[in-house]
Amino acid sequence: MQEKVTPFNTGKILIGSAYVRDARPELTASEEIIQSALLSNSSPRRILISAAAIASAALYSAAFVTAFYVAASVFKSLKG
């Protein structure tokens, strides 16, 4: 945790002396997507991240299908 910043002293008042950091944890990507859907505002940054996640999932799916196909072919050739 970072140390508390010393308030700015104008000579009459201390600016920022009552400041308290936000204690809430940062939202995860899924929490932010759910919140954005519920509030009906989409964040372009999250849309890009979601597109990247979809592309990544598609690549993993293609790799899985390819590996399954190769394994099935090898098993078929060993069997008979």
N, C-alpha and C. Protein backbone atom coordinates (compact mmCIF):
# COMPACT_ATOMS: atom_id res chain seq x y z
N MET A 1 0.84 -1.18 0.00
CA MET A 1 0.00 0.00 0.00
C MET A 1 0.89 1.24 0.00
N GLN A 2 0.49 2.23 -0.76
CA GLN A 2 1.28 3.45 -0.85
C GLN A 2 1.05 4.33 0.38
N GLU A 3 2.06 5.11 0.68
CA GLU A 3 1.94 6.02 1.82
C GLU A 3 0.99 7.16 1.49
N LYS A 4 0.37 7.69 2.51
CA LYS A 4 -0.54 8.80 2.31
C LYS A 4 0.24 10.04 1.89
N VAL A 5 -0.28 10.74 0.89
CA VAL A 5 0.37 11.94 0.37
C VAL A 5 0.10 13.09 1.33
N THR A 6 1.15 13.85 1.62
CA THR A 6 1.00 15.02 2.49
C THR A 6 0.11 16.05 1.79
N PRO A 7 -0.89 16.59 2.50
CA PRO A 7 -1.78 17.57 1.86
C PRO A 7 -1.03 18.85 1.49
N PHE A 8 -1.59 19.55 0.51
CA PHE A 8 -1.02 20.81 0.08
C PHE A 8 -1.42 21.90 1.07
N ASN A 9 -0.45 22.60 1.60
CA ASN A 9 -0.71 23.64 2.60
C ASN A 9 -0.71 24.99 1.92
N THR A 10 -1.87 25.68 1.91
CA THR A 10 -1.95 27.00 1.30
C THR A 10 -1.62 28.10 2.31
N GLY A 11 -1.45 27.74 3.55
CA GLY A 11 -1.22 28.73 4.60
C GLY A 11 -2.48 28.93 5.43
N LYS A 12 -3.65 28.73 4.80
CA LYS A 12 -4.90 28.86 5.52
C LYS A 12 -5.62 27.52 5.67
N ILE A 13 -5.52 26.70 4.61
CA ILE A 13 -6.19 25.39 4.66
C ILE A 13 -5.24 24.32 4.13
N LEU A 14 -5.54 23.08 4.50
CA LEU A 14 -4.79 21.95 3.99
C LEU A 14 -5.65 21.26 2.94
N ILE A 15 -5.25 21.39 1.68
CA ILE A 15 -6.01 20.78 0.59
C ILE A 15 -5.64 19.29 0.52
N GLY A 16 -6.65 18.45 0.55
CA GLY A 16 -6.44 17.02 0.46
C GLY A 16 -6.19 16.33 1.78
N SER A 17 -6.38 17.01 2.88
CA SER A 17 -6.10 16.39 4.19
C SER A 17 -7.12 15.31 4.54
N ALA A 18 -8.33 15.37 3.98
CA ALA A 18 -9.36 14.38 4.29
C ALA A 18 -9.49 13.32 3.19
N TYR A 19 -8.57 13.33 2.22
CA TYR A 19 -8.64 12.39 1.10
C TYR A 19 -8.38 10.97 1.59
N VAL A 20 -9.24 10.05 1.15
CA VAL A 20 -9.07 8.63 1.46
C VAL A 20 -9.10 7.88 0.14
N ARG A 21 -8.10 7.03 -0.08
CA ARG A 21 -8.05 6.25 -1.32
C ARG A 21 -9.25 5.32 -1.40
N ASP A 22 -9.65 5.02 -2.65
CA ASP A 22 -10.75 4.11 -2.90
C ASP A 22 -10.36 2.71 -2.44
N ALA A 23 -11.15 2.12 -1.57
CA ALA A 23 -10.82 0.82 -1.01
C ALA A 23 -11.38 -0.33 -1.84
N ARG A 24 -12.19 -0.03 -2.86
CA ARG A 24 -12.78 -1.09 -3.68
C ARG A 24 -11.72 -1.72 -4.57
N PRO A 25 -11.77 -3.03 -4.74
CA PRO A 25 -10.82 -3.68 -5.65
C PRO A 25 -11.16 -3.37 -7.10
N GLU A 26 -10.17 -3.48 -7.98
CA GLU A 26 -10.43 -3.25 -9.40
C GLU A 26 -11.32 -4.36 -9.93
N LEU A 27 -12.15 -4.02 -10.92
CA LEU A 27 -13.04 -5.01 -11.51
C LEU A 27 -12.26 -5.93 -12.43
N THR A 28 -12.65 -7.20 -12.43
CA THR A 28 -12.07 -8.12 -13.40
C THR A 28 -12.74 -7.86 -14.74
N ALA A 29 -12.21 -8.46 -15.80
CA ALA A 29 -12.77 -8.24 -17.14
C ALA A 29 -14.22 -8.69 -17.21
N SER A 30 -14.52 -9.86 -16.63
CA SER A 30 -15.90 -10.36 -16.69
C SER A 30 -16.84 -9.48 -15.88
N GLU A 31 -16.39 -9.00 -14.73
CA GLU A 31 -17.24 -8.11 -13.91
C GLU A 31 -17.51 -6.80 -14.64
N GLU A 32 -16.50 -6.29 -15.32
CA GLU A 32 -16.69 -5.03 -16.05
C GLU A 32 -17.64 -5.22 -17.23
N ILE A 33 -17.56 -6.38 -17.90
CA ILE A 33 -18.47 -6.65 -19.01
C ILE A 33 -19.90 -6.74 -18.51
N ILE A 34 -20.11 -7.45 -17.39
CA ILE A 34 -21.46 -7.57 -16.83
C ILE A 34 -21.98 -6.20 -16.42
N GLN A 35 -21.16 -5.41 -15.74
CA GLN A 35 -21.59 -4.09 -15.30
C GLN A 35 -21.91 -3.21 -16.49
N SER A 36 -21.08 -3.27 -17.52
CA SER A 36 -21.30 -2.45 -18.70
C SER A 36 -22.58 -2.86 -19.42
N ALA A 37 -22.88 -4.18 -19.43
CA ALA A 37 -24.13 -4.65 -20.05
C ALA A 37 -25.33 -4.19 -19.25
N LEU A 38 -25.22 -4.23 -17.93
CA LEU A 38 -26.34 -3.81 -17.08
C LEU A 38 -26.58 -2.30 -17.16
N LEU A 39 -25.50 -1.54 -17.32
CA LEU A 39 -25.63 -0.09 -17.39
C LEU A 39 -25.82 0.41 -18.81
N SER A 40 -25.81 -0.49 -19.77
CA SER A 40 -26.02 -0.18 -21.19
C SER A 40 -24.98 0.79 -21.74
N ASN A 41 -23.77 0.70 -21.28
CA ASN A 41 -22.70 1.48 -21.91
C ASN A 41 -21.55 0.54 -22.20
N SER A 42 -21.13 0.53 -23.43
CA SER A 42 -20.05 -0.38 -23.79
C SER A 42 -18.74 0.39 -23.85
N SER A 43 -17.73 -0.24 -23.33
CA SER A 43 -16.41 0.37 -23.33
C SER A 43 -15.64 -0.15 -24.53
N PRO A 44 -15.13 0.72 -25.39
CA PRO A 44 -14.36 0.26 -26.56
C PRO A 44 -13.16 -0.59 -26.17
N ARG A 45 -12.53 -0.26 -25.05
CA ARG A 45 -11.36 -1.02 -24.61
C ARG A 45 -11.75 -2.47 -24.32
N ARG A 46 -12.87 -2.65 -23.63
CA ARG A 46 -13.32 -4.00 -23.30
C ARG A 46 -13.81 -4.73 -24.53
N ILE A 47 -14.37 -4.01 -25.49
CA ILE A 47 -14.82 -4.65 -26.72
C ILE A 47 -13.60 -5.21 -27.46
N LEU A 48 -12.51 -4.46 -27.48
CA LEU A 48 -11.29 -4.94 -28.11
C LEU A 48 -10.73 -6.14 -27.37
N ILE A 49 -10.76 -6.09 -26.05
CA ILE A 49 -10.28 -7.21 -25.26
C ILE A 49 -11.17 -8.43 -25.49
N SER A 50 -12.48 -8.21 -25.58
CA SER A 50 -13.39 -9.31 -25.84
C SER A 50 -13.13 -9.91 -27.21
N ALA A 51 -12.87 -9.07 -28.21
CA ALA A 51 -12.57 -9.56 -29.55
C ALA A 51 -11.28 -10.38 -29.52
N ALA A 52 -10.30 -9.94 -28.76
CA ALA A 52 -9.06 -10.69 -28.63
C ALA A 52 -9.31 -12.02 -27.93
N ALA A 53 -10.17 -12.02 -26.93
CA ALA A 53 -10.49 -13.27 -26.22
C ALA A 53 -11.22 -14.24 -27.14
N ILE A 54 -12.11 -13.72 -27.96
CA ILE A 54 -12.84 -14.58 -28.91
C ILE A 54 -11.88 -15.16 -29.94
N ALA A 55 -10.97 -14.34 -30.44
CA ALA A 55 -9.98 -14.82 -31.41
C ALA A 55 -9.08 -15.88 -30.78
N SER A 56 -8.70 -15.66 -29.54
CA SER A 56 -7.86 -16.63 -28.84
C SER A 56 -8.62 -17.94 -28.64
N ALA A 57 -9.88 -17.85 -28.25
CA ALA A 57 -10.69 -19.05 -28.07
C ALA A 57 -10.85 -19.80 -29.39
N ALA A 58 -11.01 -19.07 -30.48
CA ALA A 58 -11.14 -19.71 -31.79
C ALA A 58 -9.86 -20.45 -32.16
N LEU A 59 -8.70 -19.86 -31.87
CA LEU A 59 -7.43 -20.52 -32.16
C LEU A 59 -7.27 -21.79 -31.33
N TYR A 60 -7.62 -21.72 -30.04
CA TYR A 60 -7.53 -22.90 -29.19
C TYR A 60 -8.49 -23.99 -29.66
N SER A 61 -9.68 -23.60 -30.09
CA SER A 61 -10.65 -24.57 -30.60
C SER A 61 -10.12 -25.24 -31.86
N ALA A 62 -9.55 -24.46 -32.76
CA ALA A 62 -8.99 -25.02 -33.99
C ALA A 62 -7.84 -25.97 -33.67
N ALA A 63 -7.01 -25.61 -32.71
CA ALA A 63 -5.89 -26.47 -32.31
C ALA A 63 -6.42 -27.77 -31.71
N PHE A 64 -7.46 -27.69 -30.90
CA PHE A 64 -8.05 -28.88 -30.28
C PHE A 64 -8.63 -29.80 -31.34
N VAL A 65 -9.37 -29.24 -32.29
CA VAL A 65 -9.97 -30.05 -33.35
C VAL A 65 -8.88 -30.71 -34.18
N THR A 66 -7.82 -29.98 -34.50
CA THR A 66 -6.72 -30.53 -35.27
C THR A 66 -6.04 -31.67 -34.50
N ALA A 67 -5.77 -31.45 -33.23
CA ALA A 67 -5.12 -32.48 -32.41
C ALA A 67 -6.01 -33.72 -32.31
N PHE A 68 -7.32 -33.52 -32.15
CA PHE A 68 -8.25 -34.65 -32.07
C PHE A 68 -8.27 -35.41 -33.39
N TYR A 69 -8.27 -34.70 -34.49
CA TYR A 69 -8.27 -35.34 -35.82
C TYR A 69 -7.00 -36.15 -36.03
N VAL A 70 -5.85 -35.58 -35.65
CA VAL A 70 -4.57 -36.29 -35.80
C VAL A 70 -4.56 -37.52 -34.90
N ALA A 71 -5.01 -37.39 -33.66
CA ALA A 71 -5.04 -38.53 -32.74
C ALA A 71 -5.96 -39.62 -33.25
N ALA A 72 -7.10 -39.25 -33.80
CA ALA A 72 -8.04 -40.24 -34.35
C ALA A 72 -7.42 -40.94 -35.55
N SER A 73 -6.71 -40.22 -36.39
CA SER A 73 -6.06 -40.81 -37.55
C SER A 73 -4.98 -41.79 -37.13
N VAL A 74 -4.18 -41.40 -36.13
CA VAL A 74 -3.12 -42.27 -35.63
C VAL A 74 -3.72 -43.52 -35.01
N PHE A 75 -4.75 -43.36 -34.22
CA PHE A 75 -5.40 -44.50 -33.58
C PHE A 75 -5.99 -45.44 -34.62
N LYS A 76 -6.59 -44.86 -35.66
CA LYS A 76 -7.19 -45.66 -36.73
C LYS A 76 -6.11 -46.45 -37.48
N SER A 77 -4.96 -45.82 -37.73
CA SER A 77 -3.88 -46.50 -38.47
C SER A 77 -3.24 -47.60 -37.61
N LEU A 78 -3.18 -47.39 -36.29
CA LEU A 78 -2.62 -48.42 -35.40
C LEU A 78 -3.58 -49.59 -35.25
N LYS A 79 -4.85 -49.29 -35.27
CA LYS A 79 -5.87 -50.33 -35.06
C LYS A 79 -5.95 -51.27 -36.28
N GLY A 80 -5.83 -50.76 -37.43
CA GLY A 80 -6.01 -51.68 -38.54
C GLY A 80 -5.41 -51.20 -39.76
